[in-house]
Protein backbone atom coordinates (compact mmCIF):
# COMPACT_ATOMS: atom_id res chain seq x y z
CA MET A 1 -77.63 147.99 -111.38
CA GLN A 2 -80.22 150.64 -112.27
CA ILE A 3 -83.05 151.57 -109.92
CA LEU A 4 -85.92 153.92 -110.76
CA LEU A 5 -87.76 155.82 -108.02
CA LYS A 6 -91.18 156.59 -109.43
CA GLY A 7 -93.89 158.73 -107.86
CA TYR A 8 -95.40 162.19 -107.63
CA TYR A 9 -91.94 163.68 -107.47
CA GLY A 10 -90.70 167.13 -108.39
CA PHE A 11 -94.16 168.74 -108.29
CA GLY A 12 -93.45 170.70 -105.10
CA ASN A 13 -95.62 168.58 -102.80
CA LEU A 14 -93.94 168.47 -99.38
CA GLY A 15 -95.30 165.09 -98.27
CA ASP A 16 -94.19 163.39 -101.48
CA ASP A 17 -90.84 165.17 -101.39
CA ILE A 18 -90.10 163.74 -97.96
CA LEU A 19 -91.13 160.26 -99.10
CA LEU A 20 -88.71 160.63 -102.02
CA ALA A 21 -85.89 161.67 -99.67
CA VAL A 22 -86.51 158.66 -97.41
CA THR A 23 -86.79 156.16 -100.28
CA TRP A 24 -83.63 157.46 -101.94
CA LYS A 25 -81.73 157.20 -98.64
CA ILE A 26 -82.88 153.61 -98.09
CA VAL A 27 -82.00 152.53 -101.62
CA SER A 28 -78.65 154.33 -101.77
CA GLU A 29 -77.58 152.69 -98.50
CA LYS A 30 -78.71 149.25 -99.67
CA TYR A 31 -77.17 149.53 -103.16
CA LYS A 32 -74.15 151.80 -102.82
CA GLU A 33 -72.96 151.24 -106.40
CA ALA A 34 -76.37 151.46 -108.09
CA SER A 35 -77.32 154.08 -110.63
CA ILE A 36 -80.46 155.76 -109.30
CA LEU A 37 -83.02 157.47 -111.52
CA VAL A 38 -85.94 159.62 -110.36
CA TYR A 39 -89.11 159.83 -112.43
CA SER A 40 -90.57 163.35 -112.51
CA ASN A 41 -93.01 164.68 -115.09
CA PHE A 42 -93.19 168.26 -113.84
CA ASN A 43 -91.18 169.99 -116.54
CA GLU A 44 -91.54 171.65 -119.93
CA ASN A 45 -92.73 168.40 -121.51
CA LEU A 46 -95.91 168.52 -119.43
CA VAL A 47 -98.97 170.27 -120.88
CA GLY A 48 -99.85 173.24 -118.66
CA PHE A 49 -96.41 173.50 -117.05
CA ASP A 50 -96.19 177.04 -115.68
CA GLN A 51 -93.11 177.11 -113.48
CA VAL A 52 -89.56 178.25 -114.00
CA SER A 53 -87.42 176.05 -116.22
CA ALA A 54 -85.82 173.11 -114.38
CA TYR A 55 -88.20 173.61 -111.44
CA ASN A 56 -87.99 169.93 -110.50
CA HIS A 57 -84.22 170.07 -110.15
CA TYR A 58 -84.75 170.68 -106.43
CA ILE A 59 -84.84 166.88 -106.40
CA TYR A 60 -81.04 166.99 -106.39
CA LYS A 61 -81.12 168.82 -103.04
CA LEU A 62 -83.36 166.15 -101.49
CA THR A 63 -81.33 163.25 -102.84
CA SER A 64 -77.96 163.64 -104.57
CA PRO A 65 -76.49 165.51 -107.55
CA ASN A 66 -75.65 162.06 -108.92
CA VAL A 67 -79.23 160.92 -109.49
CA LYS A 68 -80.67 161.19 -112.99
CA ILE A 69 -84.09 162.79 -113.51
CA ILE A 70 -86.21 161.32 -116.31
CA ASP A 71 -89.79 161.80 -117.45
CA TRP A 72 -92.44 160.14 -119.62
CA THR A 73 -90.54 160.95 -122.82
CA ASN A 74 -87.61 158.69 -121.86
CA TYR A 75 -87.18 155.01 -122.67
CA HIS A 76 -85.27 153.08 -120.04
CA GLU A 77 -84.55 149.52 -118.99
CA VAL A 78 -83.97 149.18 -115.25
CA ASP A 79 -83.54 146.34 -112.81
CA LEU A 80 -85.95 147.65 -110.19
CA VAL A 81 -88.79 150.16 -110.03
CA ILE A 82 -89.84 151.46 -106.61
CA ASP A 83 -93.21 153.19 -106.72
CA GLY A 84 -93.71 155.64 -103.89
CA GLY A 85 -95.02 159.08 -103.21
CA GLY A 86 -98.24 158.48 -101.29
CA GLY A 87 -101.49 158.81 -103.22
CA VAL A 88 -100.45 157.65 -106.69
CA TYR A 89 -103.34 155.35 -107.59
CA PHE A 90 -106.57 157.33 -107.49
CA ASP A 91 -108.66 159.32 -109.97
CA TYR A 92 -111.58 161.75 -109.57
CA SER A 93 -111.81 162.66 -113.27
CA ASN A 94 -115.07 161.44 -114.81
CA GLY A 95 -115.21 160.19 -118.38
CA SER A 96 -118.13 158.99 -120.49
CA MET A 97 -120.70 156.27 -119.83
CA LEU A 98 -118.66 153.99 -122.10
CA ARG A 99 -115.66 154.60 -119.87
CA ALA A 100 -117.71 153.59 -116.83
CA ILE A 101 -118.71 150.33 -118.54
CA THR A 102 -115.15 149.46 -119.62
CA ASN A 103 -113.92 150.28 -116.11
CA GLN A 104 -116.42 147.84 -114.67
CA VAL A 105 -115.22 145.14 -117.07
CA ALA A 106 -111.60 145.91 -116.15
CA ARG A 107 -112.43 145.60 -112.45
CA TRP A 108 -114.09 142.24 -113.09
CA MET A 109 -111.07 140.93 -115.03
CA GLY A 110 -108.56 141.93 -112.38
CA VAL A 111 -105.11 143.47 -112.58
CA LYS A 112 -103.12 140.35 -113.49
CA SER A 113 -105.26 139.61 -116.56
CA LEU A 114 -105.22 143.25 -117.65
CA ASN A 115 -101.44 143.37 -117.42
CA LYS A 116 -101.16 140.24 -119.59
CA ILE A 117 -103.55 141.72 -122.17
CA ASP A 118 -101.62 144.99 -122.17
CA LYS A 119 -98.34 143.13 -122.77
CA TRP A 120 -99.91 141.20 -125.67
CA LEU A 121 -101.35 144.35 -127.24
CA ARG A 122 -97.99 146.12 -126.99
CA THR A 123 -96.26 143.16 -128.63
CA VAL A 124 -98.80 143.09 -131.48
CA THR A 125 -98.72 146.85 -132.03
CA ARG A 126 -94.97 147.12 -131.36
CA LYS A 127 -95.64 149.84 -128.82
CA ARG A 128 -93.20 149.11 -126.05
CA ARG A 129 -93.49 150.46 -122.53
CA HIS A 130 -91.31 153.46 -121.84
CA ILE A 131 -89.98 151.80 -118.69
CA GLN A 132 -88.89 148.16 -118.89
CA PHE A 133 -88.07 146.48 -115.58
CA LYS A 134 -87.32 143.13 -113.97
CA LYS A 135 -89.02 143.81 -110.63
CA ARG A 136 -91.47 146.38 -109.29
CA ILE A 137 -92.27 147.28 -105.67
CA GLY A 138 -94.87 149.73 -104.37
CA VAL A 139 -94.05 151.33 -101.00
CA GLY A 140 -96.42 153.26 -98.75
CA LEU A 141 -98.89 153.72 -101.57
CA GLY A 142 -102.50 154.77 -101.27
CA ILE A 143 -104.92 152.89 -103.50
CA GLY A 144 -108.19 154.59 -104.42
CA PRO A 145 -110.68 156.07 -104.51
CA TYR A 146 -111.87 155.96 -108.12
CA VAL A 147 -115.05 157.45 -109.53
CA PRO A 148 -116.99 154.99 -111.76
CA ALA A 149 -115.87 156.57 -115.05
CA ALA A 150 -112.30 157.41 -113.92
CA LYS A 151 -110.18 158.10 -116.97
CA LEU A 152 -106.97 156.62 -115.52
CA PHE A 153 -108.57 153.48 -114.07
CA TYR A 154 -107.47 151.03 -116.80
CA GLN A 155 -103.94 152.42 -116.92
CA HIS A 156 -103.59 152.22 -113.15
CA LEU A 157 -104.87 148.65 -112.99
CA VAL A 158 -102.31 147.62 -115.61
CA GLU A 159 -99.52 149.21 -113.55
CA ILE A 160 -100.72 147.55 -110.34
CA GLY A 161 -100.84 144.25 -112.23
CA SER A 162 -97.18 144.65 -113.20
CA THR A 163 -96.13 145.08 -109.56
CA ASP A 164 -94.64 142.21 -107.57
CA VAL A 165 -94.98 143.66 -104.06
CA MET A 166 -97.45 146.21 -102.69
CA LEU A 167 -96.75 147.72 -99.27
CA VAL A 168 -99.76 150.01 -98.86
CA ARG A 169 -100.42 152.66 -96.27
CA ASP A 170 -103.84 151.61 -94.90
CA ARG A 171 -106.53 148.94 -94.80
CA THR A 172 -108.67 150.80 -97.33
CA SER A 173 -105.85 150.46 -99.88
CA LEU A 174 -105.53 146.76 -99.05
CA LYS A 175 -109.28 146.39 -99.60
CA TYR A 176 -108.97 147.96 -103.07
CA LEU A 177 -106.13 145.58 -103.96
CA ASN A 178 -108.32 142.65 -103.01
CA GLU A 179 -111.17 144.04 -105.14
CA PHE A 180 -108.75 144.42 -108.06
CA LYS A 181 -107.63 140.77 -107.65
CA PHE A 182 -104.00 141.62 -106.96
CA THR A 183 -102.02 138.36 -106.68
CA GLY A 184 -98.60 139.63 -105.55
CA ASP A 185 -97.39 140.12 -101.99
CA ALA A 186 -99.53 142.75 -100.26
CA SER A 187 -99.41 144.14 -96.74
CA ILE A 188 -99.74 147.38 -94.80
CA CYS A 189 -96.65 149.55 -94.46
CA SER A 190 -96.41 152.49 -92.09
CA ASP A 191 -95.83 155.89 -93.70
CA LEU A 192 -92.10 156.19 -94.42
CA ALA A 193 -92.10 159.77 -93.09
CA PHE A 194 -91.94 158.14 -89.63
CA CYS A 195 -88.40 157.05 -90.56
CA SER A 196 -87.51 160.58 -89.47
CA ASP A 197 -83.77 159.94 -89.04
CA TYR A 198 -83.61 159.98 -92.85
CA TRP A 199 -84.92 163.53 -93.25
CA MET A 200 -85.22 165.38 -89.91
CA THR A 201 -81.75 166.90 -89.92
CA ASP A 202 -80.72 170.42 -88.94
CA ILE A 203 -84.18 171.13 -87.55
CA LYS A 204 -84.24 173.23 -84.39
CA LEU A 205 -87.53 172.40 -82.76
CA HIS A 206 -89.09 175.46 -81.15
CA LYS A 207 -91.34 175.26 -78.10
CA ASN A 208 -93.26 178.25 -76.82
CA ALA A 209 -93.53 178.82 -73.10
CA ALA A 210 -96.81 177.65 -71.54
CA GLN A 211 -98.08 181.22 -71.13
CA GLU A 212 -97.34 181.98 -74.80
CA ARG A 213 -99.16 179.07 -76.46
CA ASN A 214 -101.09 181.22 -78.87
CA ARG A 215 -99.80 180.14 -82.29
CA VAL A 216 -102.26 178.31 -84.51
CA GLY A 217 -101.24 176.80 -87.85
CA ILE A 218 -103.75 175.84 -90.53
CA ILE A 219 -102.93 173.58 -93.49
CA LEU A 220 -105.56 173.51 -96.24
CA LEU A 221 -105.56 172.75 -99.96
CA ASP A 222 -107.54 173.18 -103.17
CA TRP A 223 -110.37 170.66 -102.83
CA HIS A 224 -112.10 169.04 -105.79
CA GLU A 225 -115.47 170.31 -104.52
CA GLY A 226 -116.89 172.39 -101.66
CA MET A 227 -113.77 174.54 -101.62
CA LYS A 228 -115.22 178.05 -101.17
CA ASP A 229 -117.59 177.06 -98.36
CA ARG A 230 -114.75 175.44 -96.42
CA PHE A 231 -112.50 178.44 -97.00
CA GLU A 232 -115.19 180.73 -95.59
CA VAL A 233 -115.40 178.64 -92.40
CA PHE A 234 -111.65 178.81 -91.86
CA ARG A 235 -111.54 182.52 -92.59
CA GLU A 236 -114.16 183.16 -89.90
CA PHE A 237 -112.29 180.86 -87.51
CA ALA A 238 -108.98 182.61 -88.18
CA ASN A 239 -110.51 186.07 -87.74
CA ASN A 240 -111.94 184.99 -84.37
CA LEU A 241 -108.50 183.80 -83.30
CA LYS A 242 -106.89 187.07 -84.35
CA ARG A 243 -109.43 189.03 -82.29
CA GLU A 244 -108.45 186.87 -79.31
CA GLY A 245 -104.80 187.86 -79.79
CA LYS A 246 -103.64 184.57 -81.30
CA GLN A 247 -101.14 184.34 -84.14
CA VAL A 248 -102.55 182.50 -87.16
CA THR A 249 -100.45 181.15 -90.01
CA PHE A 250 -101.77 179.33 -93.06
CA PHE A 251 -99.40 176.80 -94.65
CA SER A 252 -99.43 175.33 -98.15
CA PHE A 253 -97.67 172.01 -98.75
CA ASP A 254 -98.04 172.29 -102.54
CA GLU A 255 -97.56 175.70 -104.13
CA ASN A 256 -98.42 174.46 -107.61
CA HIS A 257 -101.70 172.81 -106.63
CA ASP A 258 -102.98 175.22 -103.97
CA LYS A 259 -103.57 178.29 -106.12
CA ALA A 260 -107.15 179.05 -105.04
CA TYR A 261 -106.18 178.46 -101.41
CA LYS A 262 -103.27 180.87 -101.70
CA ASN A 263 -105.35 183.56 -103.43
CA PHE A 264 -108.09 183.30 -100.81
CA PHE A 265 -105.93 183.72 -97.70
CA GLN A 266 -102.53 185.24 -98.47
CA ASN A 267 -103.55 188.91 -98.45
CA GLN A 268 -105.37 188.75 -95.13
CA PHE A 269 -103.28 186.31 -93.11
CA ASN A 270 -99.76 185.11 -92.61
CA PHE A 271 -99.23 182.60 -95.42
CA GLU A 272 -96.23 180.31 -95.91
CA ALA A 273 -95.85 177.94 -98.85
CA TRP A 274 -93.33 175.16 -99.38
CA LYS A 275 -91.20 176.52 -102.21
CA PRO A 276 -88.58 173.82 -102.74
CA ASN A 277 -86.44 175.90 -105.09
CA GLU A 278 -86.32 178.84 -102.70
CA VAL A 279 -86.82 177.56 -99.14
CA PRO A 280 -84.56 174.94 -97.52
CA LEU A 281 -86.53 172.02 -96.12
CA ASN A 282 -85.31 172.60 -92.57
CA HIS A 283 -86.43 176.26 -92.67
CA PHE A 284 -89.98 175.37 -93.62
CA LEU A 285 -90.15 172.60 -91.03
CA ASN A 286 -88.71 174.91 -88.38
CA SER A 287 -91.55 177.31 -89.09
CA LEU A 288 -94.09 174.49 -88.67
CA SER A 289 -92.50 173.51 -85.38
CA THR A 290 -93.14 176.98 -83.91
CA GLN A 291 -96.90 176.37 -83.95
CA ASP A 292 -98.69 175.25 -80.77
CA ILE A 293 -101.49 173.43 -82.57
CA ILE A 294 -102.14 172.70 -86.23
CA PHE A 295 -105.39 172.05 -88.07
CA SER A 296 -104.60 170.05 -91.19
CA ALA A 297 -106.55 168.91 -94.24
CA ARG A 298 -103.40 167.22 -95.55
CA ALA A 299 -102.33 163.79 -94.32
CA HIS A 300 -98.66 164.70 -94.09
CA GLY A 301 -99.61 167.93 -92.37
CA VAL A 302 -100.79 165.80 -89.46
CA ILE A 303 -97.87 163.36 -89.63
CA LEU A 304 -95.12 165.97 -89.92
CA SER A 305 -96.68 168.12 -87.20
CA ALA A 306 -96.69 165.14 -84.85
CA LEU A 307 -93.05 164.35 -85.65
CA LEU A 308 -92.19 167.99 -84.92
CA GLY A 309 -93.95 167.73 -81.55
CA VAL A 310 -97.02 169.79 -82.47
CA PRO A 311 -100.53 168.44 -81.75
CA ALA A 312 -102.69 168.36 -84.86
CA ILE A 313 -106.40 168.10 -85.60
CA CYS A 314 -107.41 166.11 -88.71
CA ILE A 315 -109.83 167.92 -91.01
CA GLY A 316 -111.73 164.87 -92.22
CA THR A 317 -112.54 165.84 -95.79
CA SER A 318 -111.12 162.61 -97.23
CA LYS A 319 -110.78 158.93 -96.41
CA LYS A 320 -107.04 159.50 -96.19
CA LEU A 321 -107.44 161.87 -93.24
CA GLU A 322 -109.70 159.37 -91.50
CA GLU A 323 -106.97 156.76 -91.81
CA VAL A 324 -104.29 159.18 -90.60
CA SER A 325 -106.33 160.04 -87.50
CA LYS A 326 -106.18 156.35 -86.55
CA MET A 327 -102.39 156.60 -86.40
CA PHE A 328 -102.72 158.96 -83.43
CA PRO A 329 -105.52 157.41 -81.35
CA THR A 330 -104.79 159.28 -78.11
CA SER A 331 -103.36 162.61 -79.27
CA THR A 332 -105.48 163.89 -82.14
CA ALA A 333 -109.11 164.22 -83.16
CA LEU A 334 -110.95 163.85 -86.44
CA LEU A 335 -113.37 166.59 -87.42
CA THR A 336 -115.97 165.19 -89.80
CA GLU A 337 -118.05 167.25 -92.17
CA PRO A 338 -119.71 169.62 -92.11
CA ILE A 339 -116.76 171.48 -90.59
CA THR A 340 -118.02 174.40 -88.52
CA VAL A 341 -116.38 177.27 -86.67
CA ASP A 342 -117.83 175.99 -83.39
CA ALA A 343 -116.32 172.55 -83.95
CA LEU A 344 -112.90 174.08 -84.69
CA GLN A 345 -113.04 176.25 -81.58
CA THR A 346 -114.14 173.29 -79.44
CA GLN A 347 -111.14 171.24 -80.56
CA LEU A 348 -108.78 174.16 -80.00
CA LYS A 349 -110.09 174.56 -76.44
CA ARG A 350 -109.81 170.82 -75.79
CA VAL A 351 -106.15 170.81 -76.73
CA THR A 352 -105.17 174.05 -74.99
CA ASP A 353 -106.98 173.11 -71.76
CA HIS A 354 -105.12 169.78 -71.57
CA TYR A 355 -101.97 170.67 -73.47
CA ASP A 356 -99.39 168.79 -71.41
CA GLU A 357 -101.54 165.66 -71.40
CA VAL A 358 -101.98 165.88 -75.19
CA LEU A 359 -98.23 166.30 -75.65
CA GLY A 360 -97.56 163.20 -73.57
CA ASN A 361 -100.05 161.22 -75.64
CA LEU A 362 -98.48 162.59 -78.82
CA VAL A 363 -95.04 161.30 -77.85
CA ARG A 364 -96.46 157.83 -77.23
CA ASP A 365 -98.41 157.80 -80.52
CA VAL A 366 -95.36 158.97 -82.49
CA ASN A 367 -93.13 156.34 -80.88
CA ALA A 368 -95.64 153.62 -81.73
CA ASN A 369 -95.68 154.75 -85.37
CA ARG A 370 -91.90 154.94 -85.47
CA GLN A 371 -91.76 151.34 -84.32
CA LEU A 372 -94.19 150.31 -87.06
CA ALA A 373 -92.12 152.24 -89.61
CA ALA A 374 -88.95 150.45 -88.45
CA GLU A 375 -90.72 147.11 -88.93
CA SER A 376 -91.92 148.20 -92.37
CA LEU A 377 -88.38 149.22 -93.27
CA ILE A 378 -87.08 145.75 -92.36
CA ARG A 379 -89.80 144.18 -94.50
CA LEU A 380 -88.99 146.49 -97.42
CA CYS A 381 -85.29 145.67 -97.25
CA GLN A 382 -86.16 141.97 -97.40
CA TYR A 383 -87.93 142.57 -100.73
CA LEU A 384 -85.18 144.76 -102.19
């Protein structure tokens, strides 16, 4: 049996890397004799690739030396495709007015019809799909958003239409599936990172004494728009914290994507990036666990912080962060835009003034999400 794990894998994104590790562990336990392939396009075949050769081979460390890494140039026939890796189906790239019109027609037709048309066109033109499969399952996926003239919209709808089961990460994603007329099995699945027994190994959680709770972590990213203004706010906030004697560390979960972020902060502040070829996973997570509070503009920044026992504040610059904040109803807060220094300082004071209470709430929120993840895992195994 051949199984393909397909997602945003090998690009050096920490959240997606952990999802890959969890998915591989689940599949390898379920199908002990299966041949497992991992789909990763971040290599020399990708236009604009600017990393060391074989960069994505860190995948072997997260999974097993026995997996086989393939990319878009390979033709393969597999029994099962498991799509994972968080936000796979979205697109902010704007095309022409014609693209916007064709996208609207595609939306009206729905994913099942588009997939049938795509199959017919490939038969007529003798242009086969690179990956042939018998069954396809999406796990923990985010669906949307799409701008009206999104260049990848048609392609994504065809892929969704070829999927038998969609376990999505939030109600917004479920809403998009309904809009796209998805006819397979669809339900909400908790983020697989909450299956922490599959990846939280060899991590020595560090807790500062009550009188030493002065470490603040900040996780930002390169935004599509409004980036410089947001960076300026966080620079002012971090400088204020330094003047108060607090230790500030900026973290990047994606060294290949966060180039502007890195250039803006690394010379003035402590800056740590997830470098999967250089830094062991447990070392980076140990560093995160030393923080007393984390402000995160990345969804998995909030989730991983919580699992490491660190209260986090959601920087609500995306719908994804709004959904993540709902996972922690009693232990976190959502800062909506415009993000201001005063708002950041208010949230920091709220947490530090009631730290033990927040930690207690955090434990309860994490346990609730772990239970949901365990239920999602049972449901996934029923589909496998």
